[in-house]
Amino acid sequence: MGNYEQALSFHRKALNIQENVQCNPLECATTYINLGENSREMKDYSTALTYFRKGLEIREKKLPKNHPDLAVVYHYMVKLYLSTRQYYMAMKNIQQAIKIAQEKLPSTHSHL
């Protein structure tokens, strides 16, 4: 089993545990996002998008609209859309991430 497959297995086990003990939804969102990024790395783009959307949906319900954790998901989705050559969707997501970063980070921050 390769590193990505092993990581995917561990993330799935973590999600199973989190769902069974009814953990903090934001912790489940992080696991979904980790599963999404791992799936993207394995070039399983449709699965990655499904996980990213689940994580984003949870975070959008639980966090303010300009929370930096939302920008993180948008950034991951940009990477996904660039991998699949969906440039319009990549641009849409990067604009959302930039908007949050401009509101939350100092103008000299390296992420800007």
PDB file of N, CA and C in Angstrom:
ATOM      1  N   MET A   1       0.860  -1.177   0.000  1.00  0.00           N
ATOM      2  CA  MET A   1       0.000   0.000   0.000  1.00  0.00           C
ATOM      3  C   MET A   1       0.901   1.234   0.000  1.00  0.00           C
ATOM      4  N   GLY A   2       0.646   2.173  -0.933  1.00  0.00           N
ATOM      5  CA  GLY A   2       1.431   3.393  -1.018  1.00  0.00           C
ATOM      6  C   GLY A   2       1.055   4.399   0.062  1.00  0.00           C
ATOM      7  N   ASN A   3       1.831   5.455   0.133  1.00  0.00           N
ATOM      8  CA  ASN A   3       1.594   6.487   1.150  1.00  0.00           C
ATOM      9  C   ASN A   3       0.207   7.109   1.041  1.00  0.00           C
ATOM     10  N   TYR A   4      -0.230   7.413  -0.189  1.00  0.00           N
ATOM     11  CA  TYR A   4      -1.536   8.052  -0.358  1.00  0.00           C
ATOM     12  C   TYR A   4      -2.666   7.104   0.019  1.00  0.00           C
ATOM     13  N   GLU A   5      -2.530   5.853  -0.373  1.00  0.00           N
ATOM     14  CA  GLU A   5      -3.558   4.878  -0.028  1.00  0.00           C
ATOM     15  C   GLU A   5      -3.628   4.679   1.482  1.00  0.00           C
ATOM     16  N   GLN A   6      -2.473   4.632   2.118  1.00  0.00           N
ATOM     17  CA  GLN A   6      -2.431   4.467   3.565  1.00  0.00           C
ATOM     18  C   GLN A   6      -3.042   5.681   4.261  1.00  0.00           C
ATOM     19  N   ALA A   7      -2.707   6.871   3.786  1.00  0.00           N
ATOM     20  CA  ALA A   7      -3.283   8.089   4.365  1.00  0.00           C
ATOM     21  C   ALA A   7      -4.794   8.101   4.186  1.00  0.00           C
ATOM     22  N   LEU A   8      -5.245   7.723   2.996  1.00  0.00           N
ATOM     23  CA  LEU A   8      -6.675   7.671   2.729  1.00  0.00           C
ATOM     24  C   LEU A   8      -7.363   6.708   3.693  1.00  0.00           C
ATOM     25  N   SER A   9      -6.758   5.568   3.921  1.00  0.00           N
ATOM     26  CA  SER A   9      -7.315   4.587   4.850  1.00  0.00           C
ATOM     27  C   SER A   9      -7.429   5.159   6.264  1.00  0.00           C
ATOM     28  N   PHE A  10      -6.389   5.836   6.714  1.00  0.00           N
ATOM     29  CA  PHE A  10      -6.416   6.425   8.061  1.00  0.00           C
ATOM     30  C   PHE A  10      -7.457   7.543   8.169  1.00  0.00           C
ATOM     31  N   HIS A  11      -7.573   8.371   7.129  1.00  0.00           N
ATOM     32  CA  HIS A  11      -8.577   9.445   7.163  1.00  0.00           C
ATOM     33  C   HIS A  11      -9.993   8.858   7.200  1.00  0.00           C
ATOM     34  N   ARG A  12     -10.210   7.792   6.442  1.00  0.00           N
ATOM     35  CA  ARG A  12     -11.536   7.157   6.454  1.00  0.00           C
ATOM     36  C   ARG A  12     -11.844   6.558   7.824  1.00  0.00           C
ATOM     37  N   LYS A  13     -10.860   5.945   8.440  1.00  0.00           N
ATOM     38  CA  LYS A  13     -11.055   5.400   9.792  1.00  0.00           C
ATOM     39  C   LYS A  13     -11.365   6.531  10.771  1.00  0.00           C
ATOM     40  N   ALA A  14     -10.651   7.638  10.647  1.00  0.00           N
ATOM     41  CA  ALA A  14     -10.886   8.781  11.531  1.00  0.00           C
ATOM     42  C   ALA A  14     -12.301   9.309  11.349  1.00  0.00           C
ATOM     43  N   LEU A  15     -12.739   9.428  10.098  1.00  0.00           N
ATOM     44  CA  LEU A  15     -14.089   9.921   9.841  1.00  0.00           C
ATOM     45  C   LEU A  15     -15.133   8.971  10.415  1.00  0.00           C
ATOM     46  N   ASN A  16     -14.917   7.691  10.270  1.00  0.00           N
ATOM     47  CA  ASN A  16     -15.840   6.699  10.822  1.00  0.00           C
ATOM     48  C   ASN A  16     -15.955   6.856  12.339  1.00  0.00           C
ATOM     49  N   ILE A  17     -14.839   7.011  13.004  1.00  0.00           N
ATOM     50  CA  ILE A  17     -14.849   7.213  14.458  1.00  0.00           C
ATOM     51  C   ILE A  17     -15.564   8.514  14.808  1.00  0.00           C
ATOM     52  N   GLN A  18     -15.220   9.594  14.092  1.00  0.00           N
ATOM     53  CA  GLN A  18     -15.824  10.894  14.376  1.00  0.00           C
ATOM     54  C   GLN A  18     -17.340  10.852  14.211  1.00  0.00           C
ATOM     55  N   GLU A  19     -17.800  10.194  13.159  1.00  0.00           N
ATOM     56  CA  GLU A  19     -19.251  10.125  12.929  1.00  0.00           C
ATOM     57  C   GLU A  19     -19.945   9.277  13.981  1.00  0.00           C
ATOM     58  N   ASN A  20     -19.276   8.238  14.471  1.00  0.00           N
ATOM     59  CA  ASN A  20     -19.883   7.358  15.469  1.00  0.00           C
ATOM     60  C   ASN A  20     -19.929   7.968  16.863  1.00  0.00           C
ATOM     61  N   VAL A  21     -19.044   8.890  17.159  1.00  0.00           N
ATOM     62  CA  VAL A  21     -19.063   9.520  18.486  1.00  0.00           C
ATOM     63  C   VAL A  21     -19.658  10.924  18.435  1.00  0.00           C
ATOM     64  N   GLN A  22     -20.193  11.277  17.287  1.00  0.00           N
ATOM     65  CA  GLN A  22     -20.813  12.595  17.100  1.00  0.00           C
ATOM     66  C   GLN A  22     -19.880  13.709  17.571  1.00  0.00           C
ATOM     67  N   CYS A  23     -18.734  13.782  16.938  1.00  0.00           N
ATOM     68  CA  CYS A  23     -17.733  14.784  17.297  1.00  0.00           C
ATOM     69  C   CYS A  23     -18.155  16.176  16.827  1.00  0.00           C
ATOM     70  N   ASN A  24     -17.329  17.126  17.159  1.00  0.00           N
ATOM     71  CA  ASN A  24     -17.512  18.496  16.693  1.00  0.00           C
ATOM     72  C   ASN A  24     -17.572  18.483  15.161  1.00  0.00           C
ATOM     73  N   PRO A  25     -18.603  19.062  14.567  1.00  0.00           N
ATOM     74  CA  PRO A  25     -18.723  19.054  13.103  1.00  0.00           C
ATOM     75  C   PRO A  25     -17.506  19.663  12.390  1.00  0.00           C
ATOM     76  N   LEU A  26     -16.864  20.635  13.015  1.00  0.00           N
ATOM     77  CA  LEU A  26     -15.699  21.243  12.376  1.00  0.00           C
ATOM     78  C   LEU A  26     -14.533  20.255  12.287  1.00  0.00           C
ATOM     79  N   GLU A  27     -14.453  19.328  13.241  1.00  0.00           N
ATOM     80  CA  GLU A  27     -13.426  18.290  13.156  1.00  0.00           C
ATOM     81  C   GLU A  27     -13.738  17.331  12.006  1.00  0.00           C
ATOM     82  N   CYS A  28     -15.002  17.001  11.837  1.00  0.00           N
ATOM     83  CA  CYS A  28     -15.394  16.165  10.699  1.00  0.00           C
ATOM     84  C   CYS A  28     -15.112  16.897   9.385  1.00  0.00           C
ATOM     85  N   ALA A  29     -15.367  18.188   9.345  1.00  0.00           N
ATOM     86  CA  ALA A  29     -15.097  18.970   8.136  1.00  0.00           C
ATOM     87  C   ALA A  29     -13.625  18.892   7.771  1.00  0.00           C
ATOM     88  N   THR A  30     -12.758  18.994   8.766  1.00  0.00           N
ATOM     89  CA  THR A  30     -11.319  18.902   8.517  1.00  0.00           C
ATOM     90  C   THR A  30     -10.962  17.538   7.947  1.00  0.00           C
ATOM     91  N   THR A  31     -11.564  16.496   8.464  1.00  0.00           N
ATOM     92  CA  THR A  31     -11.292  15.155   7.947  1.00  0.00           C
ATOM     93  C   THR A  31     -11.784  15.023   6.510  1.00  0.00           C
ATOM     94  N   TYR A  32     -12.967  15.556   6.206  1.00  0.00           N
ATOM     95  CA  TYR A  32     -13.457  15.550   4.820  1.00  0.00           C
ATOM     96  C   TYR A  32     -12.469  16.272   3.899  1.00  0.00           C
ATOM     97  N   ILE A  33     -11.981  17.402   4.349  1.00  0.00           N
ATOM     98  CA  ILE A  33     -11.049  18.182   3.527  1.00  0.00           C
ATOM     99  C   ILE A  33      -9.745  17.419   3.331  1.00  0.00           C
ATOM    100  N   ASN A  34      -9.262  16.772   4.384  1.00  0.00           N
ATOM    101  CA  ASN A  34      -8.059  15.943   4.254  1.00  0.00           C
ATOM    102  C   ASN A  34      -8.287  14.790   3.282  1.00  0.00           C
ATOM    103  N   LEU A  35      -9.459  14.167   3.346  1.00  0.00           N
ATOM    104  CA  LEU A  35      -9.796  13.115   2.395  1.00  0.00           C
ATOM    105  C   LEU A  35      -9.831  13.669   0.970  1.00  0.00           C
ATOM    106  N   GLY A  36     -10.376  14.875   0.831  1.00  0.00           N
ATOM    107  CA  GLY A  36     -10.431  15.501  -0.480  1.00  0.00           C
ATOM    108  C   GLY A  36      -9.052  15.758  -1.047  1.00  0.00           C
ATOM    109  N   GLU A  37      -8.168  16.296  -0.229  1.00  0.00           N
ATOM    110  CA  GLU A  37      -6.817  16.598  -0.702  1.00  0.00           C
ATOM    111  C   GLU A  37      -6.066  15.312  -1.027  1.00  0.00           C
ATOM    112  N   ASN A  38      -6.243  14.300  -0.216  1.00  0.00           N
ATOM    113  CA  ASN A  38      -5.600  13.019  -0.487  1.00  0.00           C
ATOM    114  C   ASN A  38      -6.132  12.413  -1.783  1.00  0.00           C
ATOM    115  N   SER A  39      -7.429  12.500  -2.003  1.00  0.00           N
ATOM    116  CA  SER A  39      -8.026  11.990  -3.243  1.00  0.00           C
ATOM    117  C   SER A  39      -7.532  12.768  -4.450  1.00  0.00           C
ATOM    118  N   ARG A  40      -7.376  14.080  -4.279  1.00  0.00           N
ATOM    119  CA  ARG A  40      -6.849  14.896  -5.377  1.00  0.00           C
ATOM    120  C   ARG A  40      -5.436  14.467  -5.724  1.00  0.00           C
ATOM    121  N   GLU A  41      -4.627  14.231  -4.710  1.00  0.00           N
ATOM    122  CA  GLU A  41      -3.256  13.792  -4.939  1.00  0.00           C
ATOM    123  C   GLU A  41      -3.223  12.450  -5.686  1.00  0.00           C
ATOM    124  N   MET A  42      -4.242  11.630  -5.456  1.00  0.00           N
ATOM    125  CA  MET A  42      -4.327  10.325  -6.128  1.00  0.00           C
ATOM    126  C   MET A  42      -5.021  10.444  -7.489  1.00  0.00           C
ATOM    127  N   LYS A  43      -5.344  11.672  -7.880  1.00  0.00           N
ATOM    128  CA  LYS A  43      -6.014  11.967  -9.150  1.00  0.00           C
ATOM    129  C   LYS A  43      -7.441  11.407  -9.239  1.00  0.00           C
ATOM    130  N   ASP A  44      -8.064  11.204  -8.088  1.00  0.00           N
ATOM    131  CA  ASP A  44      -9.468  10.804  -8.030  1.00  0.00           C
ATOM    132  C   ASP A  44     -10.276  12.078  -7.819  1.00  0.00           C
ATOM    133  N   TYR A  45     -10.424  12.821  -8.880  1.00  0.00           N
ATOM    134  CA  TYR A  45     -10.933  14.191  -8.794  1.00  0.00           C
ATOM    135  C   TYR A  45     -12.408  14.268  -8.403  1.00  0.00           C
ATOM    136  N   SER A  46     -13.233  13.360  -8.869  1.00  0.00           N
ATOM    137  CA  SER A  46     -14.654  13.447  -8.507  1.00  0.00           C
ATOM    138  C   SER A  46     -14.856  13.159  -7.024  1.00  0.00           C
ATOM    139  N   THR A  47     -14.103  12.192  -6.490  1.00  0.00           N
ATOM    140  CA  THR A  47     -14.188  11.914  -5.057  1.00  0.00           C
ATOM    141  C   THR A  47     -13.654  13.094  -4.259  1.00  0.00           C
ATOM    142  N   ALA A  48     -12.555  13.668  -4.721  1.00  0.00           N
ATOM    143  CA  ALA A  48     -11.977  14.830  -4.040  1.00  0.00           C
ATOM    144  C   ALA A  48     -12.990  15.963  -3.963  1.00  0.00           C
ATOM    145  N   LEU A  49     -13.655  16.238  -5.066  1.00  0.00           N
ATOM    146  CA  LEU A  49     -14.637  17.325  -5.087  1.00  0.00           C
ATOM    147  C   LEU A  49     -15.778  17.044  -4.116  1.00  0.00           C
ATOM    148  N   THR A  50     -16.221  15.801  -4.056  1.00  0.00           N
ATOM    149  CA  THR A  50     -17.293  15.432  -3.122  1.00  0.00           C
ATOM    150  C   THR A  50     -16.867  15.713  -1.682  1.00  0.00           C
ATOM    151  N   TYR A  51     -15.670  15.292  -1.323  1.00  0.00           N
ATOM    152  CA  TYR A  51     -15.183  15.525   0.043  1.00  0.00           C
ATOM    153  C   TYR A  51     -14.993  17.013   0.326  1.00  0.00           C
ATOM    154  N   PHE A  52     -14.416  17.745  -0.619  1.00  0.00           N
ATOM    155  CA  PHE A  52     -14.231  19.182  -0.410  1.00  0.00           C
ATOM    156  C   PHE A  52     -15.577  19.877  -0.199  1.00  0.00           C
ATOM    157  N   ARG A  53     -16.551  19.509  -0.990  1.00  0.00           N
ATOM    158  CA  ARG A  53     -17.874  20.134  -0.857  1.00  0.00           C
ATOM    159  C   ARG A  53     -18.504  19.829   0.498  1.00  0.00           C
ATOM    160  N   LYS A  54     -18.349  18.586   0.977  1.00  0.00           N
ATOM    161  CA  LYS A  54     -18.892  18.234   2.300  1.00  0.00           C
ATOM    162  C   LYS A  54     -18.209  19.056   3.389  1.00  0.00           C
ATOM    163  N   GLY A  55     -16.887  19.145   3.319  1.00  0.00           N
ATOM    164  CA  GLY A  55     -16.149  19.927   4.310  1.00  0.00           C
ATOM    165  C   GLY A  55     -16.515  21.392   4.259  1.00  0.00           C
ATOM    166  N   LEU A  56     -16.626  21.918   3.044  1.00  0.00           N
ATOM    167  CA  LEU A  56     -16.982  23.335   2.878  1.00  0.00           C
ATOM    168  C   LEU A  56     -18.385  23.606   3.400  1.00  0.00           C
ATOM    169  N   GLU A  57     -19.321  22.721   3.090  1.00  0.00           N
ATOM    170  CA  GLU A  57     -20.704  22.902   3.549  1.00  0.00           C
ATOM    171  C   GLU A  57     -20.774  22.981   5.072  1.00  0.00           C
ATOM    172  N   ILE A  58     -20.054  22.108   5.746  1.00  0.00           N
ATOM    173  CA  ILE A  58     -20.048  22.127   7.215  1.00  0.00           C
ATOM    174  C   ILE A  58     -19.443  23.431   7.719  1.00  0.00           C
ATOM    175  N   ARG A  59     -18.292  23.803   7.155  1.00  0.00           N
ATOM    176  CA  ARG A  59     -17.637  25.032   7.611  1.00  0.00           C
ATOM    177  C   ARG A  59     -18.491  26.261   7.328  1.00  0.00           C
ATOM    178  N   GLU A  60     -19.176  26.292   6.191  1.00  0.00           N
ATOM    179  CA  GLU A  60     -20.032  27.443   5.875  1.00  0.00           C
ATOM    180  C   GLU A  60     -21.177  27.572   6.877  1.00  0.00           C
ATOM    181  N   LYS A  61     -21.672  26.455   7.385  1.00  0.00           N
ATOM    182  CA  LYS A  61     -22.758  26.484   8.361  1.00  0.00           C
ATOM    183  C   LYS A  61     -22.274  26.917   9.741  1.00  0.00           C
ATOM    184  N   LYS A  62     -21.028  26.595  10.076  1.00  0.00           N
ATOM    185  CA  LYS A  62     -20.529  26.789  11.438  1.00  0.00           C
ATOM    186  C   LYS A  62     -19.634  28.011  11.631  1.00  0.00           C
ATOM    187  N   LEU A  63     -19.135  28.585  10.539  1.00  0.00           N
ATOM    188  CA  LEU A  63     -18.167  29.684  10.651  1.00  0.00           C
ATOM    189  C   LEU A  63     -18.676  30.948   9.972  1.00  0.00           C
ATOM    190  N   PRO A  64     -18.152  32.106  10.374  1.00  0.00           N
ATOM    191  CA  PRO A  64     -18.493  33.341   9.669  1.00  0.00           C
ATOM    192  C   PRO A  64     -18.034  33.265   8.213  1.00  0.00           C
ATOM    193  N   LYS A  65     -18.687  34.015   7.350  1.00  0.00           N
ATOM    194  CA  LYS A  65     -18.404  33.958   5.909  1.00  0.00           C
ATOM    195  C   LYS A  65     -16.993  34.364   5.532  1.00  0.00           C
ATOM    196  N   ASN A  66     -16.323  35.091   6.406  1.00  0.00           N
ATOM    197  CA  ASN A  66     -14.964  35.536   6.082  1.00  0.00           C
ATOM    198  C   ASN A  66     -13.917  34.838   6.956  1.00  0.00           C
ATOM    199  N   HIS A  67     -14.227  33.655   7.424  1.00  0.00           N
ATOM    200  CA  HIS A  67     -13.298  32.915   8.274  1.00  0.00           C
ATOM    201  C   HIS A  67     -12.160  32.332   7.432  1.00  0.00           C
ATOM    202  N   PRO A  68     -10.919  32.438   7.898  1.00  0.00           N
ATOM    203  CA  PRO A  68      -9.777  31.909   7.136  1.00  0.00           C
ATOM    204  C   PRO A  68      -9.870  30.410   6.823  1.00  0.00           C
ATOM    205  N   ASP A  69     -10.557  29.634   7.651  1.00  0.00           N
ATOM    206  CA  ASP A  69     -10.693  28.206   7.370  1.00  0.00           C
ATOM    207  C   ASP A  69     -11.500  27.941   6.092  1.00  0.00           C
ATOM    208  N   LEU A  70     -12.373  28.876   5.732  1.00  0.00           N
ATOM    209  CA  LEU A  70     -13.082  28.751   4.451  1.00  0.00           C
ATOM    210  C   LEU A  70     -12.124  28.998   3.294  1.00  0.00           C
ATOM    211  N   ALA A  71     -11.226  29.952   3.468  1.00  0.00           N
ATOM    212  CA  ALA A  71     -10.247  30.249   2.424  1.00  0.00           C
ATOM    213  C   ALA A  71      -9.357  29.045   2.149  1.00  0.00           C
ATOM    214  N   VAL A  72      -9.063  28.281   3.176  1.00  0.00           N
ATOM    215  CA  VAL A  72      -8.246  27.075   3.010  1.00  0.00           C
ATOM    216  C   VAL A  72      -8.946  26.087   2.071  1.00  0.00           C
ATOM    217  N   VAL A  73     -10.240  25.888   2.269  1.00  0.00           N
ATOM    218  CA  VAL A  73     -10.983  24.968   1.405  1.00  0.00           C
ATOM    219  C   VAL A  73     -11.016  25.506  -0.024  1.00  0.00           C
ATOM    220  N   TYR A  74     -11.264  26.804  -0.172  1.00  0.00           N
ATOM    221  CA  TYR A  74     -11.266  27.390  -1.516  1.00  0.00           C
ATOM    222  C   TYR A  74      -9.922  27.163  -2.202  1.00  0.00           C
ATOM    223  N   HIS A  75      -8.846  27.301  -1.448  1.00  0.00           N
ATOM    224  CA  HIS A  75      -7.508  27.078  -2.008  1.00  0.00           C
ATOM    225  C   HIS A  75      -7.354  25.633  -2.500  1.00  0.00           C
ATOM    226  N   TYR A  76      -7.786  24.672  -1.691  1.00  0.00           N
ATOM    227  CA  TYR A  76      -7.710  23.273  -2.114  1.00  0.00           C
ATOM    228  C   TYR A  76      -8.556  23.032  -3.360  1.00  0.00           C
ATOM    229  N   MET A  77      -9.712  23.659  -3.410  1.00  0.00           N
ATOM    230  CA  MET A  77     -10.575  23.483  -4.577  1.00  0.00           C
ATOM    231  C   MET A  77      -9.944  24.104  -5.824  1.00  0.00           C
ATOM    232  N   VAL A  78      -9.220  25.202  -5.650  1.00  0.00           N
ATOM    233  CA  VAL A  78      -8.495  25.790  -6.778  1.00  0.00           C
ATOM    234  C   VAL A  78      -7.516  24.772  -7.344  1.00  0.00           C
ATOM    235  N   LYS A  79      -6.763  24.130  -6.478  1.00  0.00           N
ATOM    236  CA  LYS A  79      -5.800  23.121  -6.930  1.00  0.00           C
ATOM    237  C   LYS A  79      -6.511  22.002  -7.695  1.00  0.00           C
ATOM    238  N   LEU A  80      -7.665  21.599  -7.203  1.00  0.00           N
ATOM    239  CA  LEU A  80      -8.443  20.562  -7.873  1.00  0.00           C
ATOM    240  C   LEU A  80      -8.890  21.027  -9.260  1.00  0.00           C
ATOM    241  N   TYR A  81      -9.469  22.216  -9.310  1.00  0.00           N
ATOM    242  CA  TYR A  81      -9.977  22.713 -10.590  1.00  0.00           C
ATOM    243  C   TYR A  81      -8.846  22.972 -11.592  1.00  0.00           C
ATOM    244  N   LEU A  82      -7.689  23.375 -11.119  1.00  0.00           N
ATOM    245  CA  LEU A  82      -6.551  23.529 -12.025  1.00  0.00           C
ATOM    246  C   LEU A  82      -6.111  22.162 -12.562  1.00  0.00           C
ATOM    247  N   SER A  83      -6.138  21.155 -11.704  1.00  0.00           N
ATOM    248  CA  SER A  83      -5.765  19.800 -12.127  1.00  0.00           C
ATOM    249  C   SER A  83      -6.699  19.269 -13.206  1.00  0.00           C
ATOM    250  N   THR A  84      -7.965  19.678 -13.151  1.00  0.00           N
ATOM    251  CA  THR A  84      -8.957  19.205 -14.120  1.00  0.00           C
ATOM    252  C   THR A  84      -9.213  20.219 -15.226  1.00  0.00           C
ATOM    253  N   ARG A  85      -8.388  21.263 -15.259  1.00  0.00           N
ATOM    254  CA  ARG A  85      -8.450  22.307 -16.299  1.00  0.00           C
ATOM    255  C   ARG A  85      -9.798  23.027 -16.345  1.00  0.00           C
ATOM    256  N   GLN A  86     -10.416  23.145 -15.181  1.00  0.00           N
ATOM    257  CA  GLN A  86     -11.657  23.915 -15.058  1.00  0.00           C
ATOM    258  C   GLN A  86     -11.280  25.307 -14.553  1.00  0.00           C
ATOM    259  N   TYR A  87     -10.744  26.097 -15.450  1.00  0.00           N
ATOM    260  CA  TYR A  87     -10.133  27.369 -15.071  1.00  0.00           C
ATOM    261  C   TYR A  87     -11.146  28.384 -14.548  1.00  0.00           C
ATOM    262  N   TYR A  88     -12.347  28.373 -15.074  1.00  0.00           N
ATOM    263  CA  TYR A  88     -13.362  29.303 -14.579  1.00  0.00           C
ATOM    264  C   TYR A  88     -13.660  29.027 -13.111  1.00  0.00           C
ATOM    265  N   MET A  89     -13.837  27.746 -12.774  1.00  0.00           N
ATOM    266  CA  MET A  89     -14.127  27.381 -11.379  1.00  0.00           C
ATOM    267  C   MET A  89     -12.923  27.670 -10.484  1.00  0.00           C
ATOM    268  N   ALA A  90     -11.724  27.451 -11.012  1.00  0.00           N
ATOM    269  CA  ALA A  90     -10.516  27.768 -10.240  1.00  0.00           C
ATOM    270  C   ALA A  90     -10.489  29.260  -9.931  1.00  0.00           C
ATOM    271  N   MET A  91     -10.774  30.083 -10.928  1.00  0.00           N
ATOM    272  CA  MET A  91     -10.757  31.537 -10.735  1.00  0.00           C
ATOM    273  C   MET A  91     -11.824  31.963  -9.724  1.00  0.00           C
ATOM    274  N   LYS A  92     -12.976  31.372  -9.824  1.00  0.00           N
ATOM    275  CA  LYS A  92     -14.068  31.701  -8.900  1.00  0.00           C
ATOM    276  C   LYS A  92     -13.658  31.410  -7.448  1.00  0.00           C
ATOM    277  N   ASN A  93     -13.043  30.271  -7.222  1.00  0.00           N
ATOM    278  CA  ASN A  93     -12.638  29.897  -5.870  1.00  0.00           C
ATOM    279  C   ASN A  93     -11.461  30.713  -5.372  1.00  0.00           C
ATOM    280  N   ILE A  94     -10.516  31.020  -6.241  1.00  0.00           N
ATOM    281  CA  ILE A  94      -9.367  31.819  -5.783  1.00  0.00           C
ATOM    282  C   ILE A  94      -9.819  33.235  -5.434  1.00  0.00           C
ATOM    283  N   GLN A  95     -10.802  33.742  -6.139  1.00  0.00           N
ATOM    284  CA  GLN A  95     -11.324  35.073  -5.803  1.00  0.00           C
ATOM    285  C   GLN A  95     -11.951  35.066  -4.412  1.00  0.00           C
ATOM    286  N   GLN A  96     -12.634  34.000  -4.065  1.00  0.00           N
ATOM    287  CA  GLN A  96     -13.232  33.905  -2.727  1.00  0.00           C
ATOM    288  C   GLN A  96     -12.138  33.821  -1.661  1.00  0.00           C
ATOM    289  N   ALA A  97     -11.108  33.033  -1.940  1.00  0.00           N
ATOM    290  CA  ALA A  97     -10.002  32.902  -0.983  1.00  0.00           C
ATOM    291  C   ALA A  97      -9.278  34.228  -0.806  1.00  0.00           C
ATOM    292  N   ILE A  98      -9.050  34.932  -1.895  1.00  0.00           N
ATOM    293  CA  ILE A  98      -8.355  36.229  -1.834  1.00  0.00           C
ATOM    294  C   ILE A  98      -9.179  37.250  -1.067  1.00  0.00           C
ATOM    295  N   LYS A  99     -10.468  37.252  -1.297  1.00  0.00           N
ATOM    296  CA  LYS A  99     -11.343  38.196  -0.590  1.00  0.00           C
ATOM    297  C   LYS A  99     -11.235  38.004   0.922  1.00  0.00           C
ATOM    298  N   ILE A 100     -11.274  36.761   1.362  1.00  0.00           N
ATOM    299  CA  ILE A 100     -11.150  36.471   2.799  1.00  0.00           C
ATOM    300  C   ILE A 100      -9.772  36.890   3.297  1.00  0.00           C
ATOM    301  N   ALA A 101      -8.739  36.540   2.541  1.00  0.00           N
ATOM    302  CA  ALA A 101      -7.376  36.868   2.956  1.00  0.00           C
ATOM    303  C   ALA A 101      -7.186  38.377   3.075  1.00  0.00           C
ATOM    304  N   GLN A 102      -7.742  39.132   2.144  1.00  0.00           N
ATOM    305  CA  GLN A 102      -7.605  40.591   2.195  1.00  0.00           C
ATOM    306  C   GLN A 102      -8.314  41.180   3.400  1.00  0.00           C
ATOM    307  N   GLU A 103      -9.412  40.567   3.806  1.00  0.00           N
ATOM    308  CA  GLU A 103     -10.141  41.047   4.985  1.00  0.00           C
ATOM    309  C   GLU A 103      -9.448  40.660   6.284  1.00  0.00           C
ATOM    310  N   LYS A 104      -8.808  39.506   6.313  1.00  0.00           N
ATOM    311  CA  LYS A 104      -8.306  38.950   7.568  1.00  0.00           C
ATOM    312  C   LYS A 104      -6.799  39.084   7.783  1.00  0.00           C
ATOM    313  N   LEU A 105      -6.032  39.250   6.723  1.00  0.00           N
ATOM    314  CA  LEU A 105      -4.582  39.272   6.862  1.00  0.00           C
ATOM    315  C   LEU A 105      -4.021  40.669   6.649  1.00  0.00           C
ATOM    316  N   PRO A 106      -2.920  40.998   7.298  1.00  0.00           N
ATOM    317  CA  PRO A 106      -2.276  42.291   7.039  1.00  0.00           C
ATOM    318  C   PRO A 106      -1.758  42.335   5.595  1.00  0.00           C
ATOM    319  N   SER A 107      -1.713  43.509   5.030  1.00  0.00           N
ATOM    320  CA  SER A 107      -1.334  43.658   3.617  1.00  0.00           C
ATOM    321  C   SER A 107       0.069  43.145   3.307  1.00  0.00           C
ATOM    322  N   THR A 108       0.903  42.986   4.316  1.00  0.00           N
ATOM    323  CA  THR A 108       2.268  42.498   4.092  1.00  0.00           C
ATOM    324  C   THR A 108       2.409  40.985   4.290  1.00  0.00           C
ATOM    325  N   HIS A 109       1.304  40.311   4.565  1.00  0.00           N
ATOM    326  CA  HIS A 109       1.346  38.863   4.827  1.00  0.00           C
ATOM    327  C   HIS A 109       1.777  38.098   3.590  1.00  0.00           C
ATOM    328  N   SER A 110       2.584  37.071   3.778  1.00  0.00           N
ATOM    329  CA  SER A 110       3.131  36.295   2.662  1.00  0.00           C
ATOM    330  C   SER A 110       2.057  35.559   1.851  1.00  0.00           C
ATOM    331  N   HIS A 111       0.932  35.210   2.459  1.00  0.00           N
ATOM    332  CA  HIS A 111      -0.114  34.511   1.734  1.00  0.00           C
ATOM    333  C   HIS A 111      -0.825  35.408   0.723  1.00  0.00           C
ATOM    334  N   LEU A 112      -0.736  36.716   0.916  1.00  0.00           N
ATOM    335  CA  LEU A 112      -1.325  37.616  -0.064  1.00  0.00           C
ATOM    336  C   LEU A 112      -0.396  37.779  -1.247  1.00  0.00           C
TER     337      LEU A 112
END
